[in-house]
C-alpha atoms as a PDB file:
ATOM      1  CA  UNK A   1       0.769 -18.370   0.031  1.00  0.00           C
ATOM      2  CA  UNK A   2       3.753 -18.378  -2.294  1.00  0.00           C
ATOM      3  CA  UNK A   3       6.559 -15.860  -1.438  1.00  0.00           C
ATOM      4  CA  UNK A   4       9.247 -14.549  -3.719  1.00  0.00           C
ATOM      5  CA  UNK A   5      12.516 -14.182  -1.779  1.00  0.00           C
ATOM      6  CA  UNK A   6      14.120 -10.829  -2.453  1.00  0.00           C
ATOM      7  CA  UNK A   7      17.585  -9.890  -1.285  1.00  0.00           C
ATOM      8  CA  UNK A   8      18.355  -7.110   1.131  1.00  0.00           C
ATOM      9  CA  UNK A   9      20.119  -5.088  -1.595  1.00  0.00           C
ATOM     10  CA  UNK A  10      16.933  -5.069  -3.801  1.00  0.00           C
ATOM     11  CA  UNK A  11      14.915  -3.935  -0.709  1.00  0.00           C
ATOM     12  CA  UNK A  12      17.368  -1.170   0.051  1.00  0.00           C
ATOM     13  CA  UNK A  13      17.338   0.215  -3.497  1.00  0.00           C
ATOM     14  CA  UNK A  14      13.530   0.061  -3.760  1.00  0.00           C
ATOM     15  CA  UNK A  15      13.005   1.760  -0.422  1.00  0.00           C
ATOM     16  CA  UNK A  16      15.448   4.462  -1.490  1.00  0.00           C
ATOM     17  CA  UNK A  17      13.441   5.040  -4.685  1.00  0.00           C
ATOM     18  CA  UNK A  18      10.314   5.293  -2.495  1.00  0.00           C
ATOM     19  CA  UNK A  19      11.898   7.893  -0.310  1.00  0.00           C
ATOM     20  CA  UNK A  20      12.827   9.919  -3.408  1.00  0.00           C
ATOM     21  CA  UNK A  21       9.297   9.623  -4.719  1.00  0.00           C
ATOM     22  CA  UNK A  22       7.868  10.855  -1.388  1.00  0.00           C
ATOM     23  CA  UNK A  23       9.618  14.182  -1.987  1.00  0.00           C
ATOM     24  CA  UNK A  24       8.111  14.713  -5.512  1.00  0.00           C
ATOM     25  CA  UNK A  25       5.143  16.875  -6.585  1.00  0.00           C
ATOM     26  CA  UNK A  26       3.623  13.748  -7.976  1.00  0.00           C
ATOM     27  CA  UNK A  27       3.285  12.299  -4.513  1.00  0.00           C
ATOM     28  CA  UNK A  28       2.183  15.628  -3.016  1.00  0.00           C
ATOM     29  CA  UNK A  29      -0.660  15.659  -5.594  1.00  0.00           C
ATOM     30  CA  UNK A  30      -1.589  12.102  -4.689  1.00  0.00           C
ATOM     31  CA  UNK A  31      -2.003  12.779  -1.065  1.00  0.00           C
ATOM     32  CA  UNK A  32      -3.520  16.236  -1.365  1.00  0.00           C
ATOM     33  CA  UNK A  33      -7.186  14.931  -1.279  1.00  0.00           C
ATOM     34  CA  UNK A  34      -6.296  13.056   2.015  1.00  0.00           C
ATOM     35  CA  UNK A  35      -8.218   9.964   0.870  1.00  0.00           C
ATOM     36  CA  UNK A  36      -7.118   6.255   1.365  1.00  0.00           C
ATOM     37  CA  UNK A  37      -6.842   4.297  -1.842  1.00  0.00           C
ATOM     38  CA  UNK A  38      -8.271   1.106  -0.062  1.00  0.00           C
ATOM     39  CA  UNK A  39     -11.046   2.250   2.215  1.00  0.00           C
ATOM     40  CA  UNK A  40     -11.738   5.627   0.642  1.00  0.00           C
ATOM     41  CA  UNK A  41     -11.733   7.129   4.112  1.00  0.00           C
ATOM     42  CA  UNK A  42     -10.912  10.794   4.396  1.00  0.00           C
ATOM     43  CA  UNK A  43      -8.035  10.902   6.850  1.00  0.00           C
ATOM     44  CA  UNK A  44      -6.196  14.050   5.715  1.00  0.00           C
ATOM     45  CA  UNK A  45      -2.847  14.098   3.983  1.00  0.00           C
ATOM     46  CA  UNK A  46      -0.988  13.704   7.293  1.00  0.00           C
ATOM     47  CA  UNK A  47      -2.935  10.525   7.972  1.00  0.00           C
ATOM     48  CA  UNK A  48      -1.733   9.015   4.752  1.00  0.00           C
ATOM     49  CA  UNK A  49       1.308   6.513   4.311  1.00  0.00           C
ATOM     50  CA  UNK A  50       2.869   5.345   1.038  1.00  0.00           C
ATOM     51  CA  UNK A  51       1.775   1.729   0.228  1.00  0.00           C
ATOM     52  CA  UNK A  52       3.219  -0.514  -2.474  1.00  0.00           C
ATOM     53  CA  UNK A  53       0.286  -2.281  -4.114  1.00  0.00           C
ATOM     54  CA  UNK A  54       2.552  -5.270  -4.821  1.00  0.00           C
ATOM     55  CA  UNK A  55       4.748  -5.203  -1.827  1.00  0.00           C
ATOM     56  CA  UNK A  56       8.458  -5.011  -2.003  1.00  0.00           C
ATOM     57  CA  UNK A  57       8.856  -8.259  -0.279  1.00  0.00           C
ATOM     58  CA  UNK A  58       6.652  -9.933  -2.927  1.00  0.00           C
ATOM     59  CA  UNK A  59       8.798  -8.454  -5.832  1.00  0.00           C
ATOM     60  CA  UNK A  60       7.024  -5.151  -6.189  1.00  0.00           C
ATOM     61  CA  UNK A  61       8.831  -1.991  -7.276  1.00  0.00           C
ATOM     62  CA  UNK A  62       8.887   1.610  -6.120  1.00  0.00           C
ATOM     63  CA  UNK A  63       7.251   3.069  -9.211  1.00  0.00           C
ATOM     64  CA  UNK A  64       4.429   5.483  -9.663  1.00  0.00           C
ATOM     65  CA  UNK A  65       2.119   2.652 -10.864  1.00  0.00           C
ATOM     66  CA  UNK A  66       2.816   0.525  -7.793  1.00  0.00           C
ATOM     67  CA  UNK A  67       2.427   3.220  -5.035  1.00  0.00           C
ATOM     68  CA  UNK A  68      -0.709   4.565  -3.547  1.00  0.00           C
ATOM     69  CA  UNK A  69      -1.729   6.603  -0.492  1.00  0.00           C
ATOM     70  CA  UNK A  70      -3.208   4.442   2.267  1.00  0.00           C
ATOM     71  CA  UNK A  71      -4.443   5.249   5.728  1.00  0.00           C
ATOM     72  CA  UNK A  72      -2.242   3.686   8.503  1.00  0.00           C
ATOM     73  CA  UNK A  73      -5.010   1.233   9.377  1.00  0.00           C
ATOM     74  CA  UNK A  74      -5.329  -0.166   5.820  1.00  0.00           C
ATOM     75  CA  UNK A  75      -1.487  -0.157   5.272  1.00  0.00           C
ATOM     76  CA  UNK A  76      -0.972  -2.100   8.590  1.00  0.00           C
ATOM     77  CA  UNK A  77      -3.823  -4.622   7.695  1.00  0.00           C
ATOM     78  CA  UNK A  78      -2.582  -5.153   4.153  1.00  0.00           C
ATOM     79  CA  UNK A  79       1.059  -5.591   5.037  1.00  0.00           C
ATOM     80  CA  UNK A  80       2.541  -7.952   2.360  1.00  0.00           C
ATOM     81  CA  UNK A  81      -0.671  -9.054   0.763  1.00  0.00           C
ATOM     82  CA  UNK A  82      -1.028  -8.978  -3.107  1.00  0.00           C
ATOM     83  CA  UNK A  83      -3.996  -7.217  -4.521  1.00  0.00           C
ATOM     84  CA  UNK A  84      -5.990 -10.385  -5.008  1.00  0.00           C
ATOM     85  CA  UNK A  85      -5.236 -11.502  -1.436  1.00  0.00           C
ATOM     86  CA  UNK A  86      -6.356  -8.151  -0.095  1.00  0.00           C
ATOM     87  CA  UNK A  87      -9.585  -8.410  -1.989  1.00  0.00           C
ATOM     88  CA  UNK A  88     -10.159 -11.873  -0.486  1.00  0.00           C
ATOM     89  CA  UNK A  89      -9.457 -10.473   2.940  1.00  0.00           C
ATOM     90  CA  UNK A  90     -12.010  -7.768   2.449  1.00  0.00           C
ATOM     91  CA  UNK A  91     -14.622 -10.200   1.168  1.00  0.00           C
ATOM     92  CA  UNK A  92     -14.163 -12.297   4.265  1.00  0.00           C
ATOM     93  CA  UNK A  93     -14.706  -9.255   6.439  1.00  0.00           C
ATOM     94  CA  UNK A  94     -17.838  -8.373   4.587  1.00  0.00           C
ATOM     95  CA  UNK A  95     -19.051 -12.033   4.912  1.00  0.00           C
ATOM     96  CA  UNK A  96     -18.508 -12.020   8.583  1.00  0.00           C
ATOM     97  CA  UNK A  97     -20.386  -8.813   8.980  1.00  0.00           C
ATOM     98  CA  UNK A  98     -23.358 -10.108   7.059  1.00  0.00           C
ATOM     99  CA  UNK A  99     -23.659 -13.013   9.388  1.00  0.00           C
ATOM    100  CA  UNK A 100     -23.897 -10.808  12.533  1.00  0.00           C
END
């Protein structure tokens, strides 16, 4: 895996932008259905976290187009993965389940 090295100041600024976005009506509407972007599980709005599709540590930004509501389980599993890496991970899980 290739990693982009981002500095601490960049991370601080982007995390602050995310904190501000969390207070907006845009975010409140995003979490209102209470559904995880990744697994589509209904976890309720209090069960959702803010996830950066392209992680900040990989050069992502705190913009509306890069932030989605995710259940804590998916967010913890996805961590720093890019969308293509996350898809590969999910495919691996499906392949393992089909072998059982």
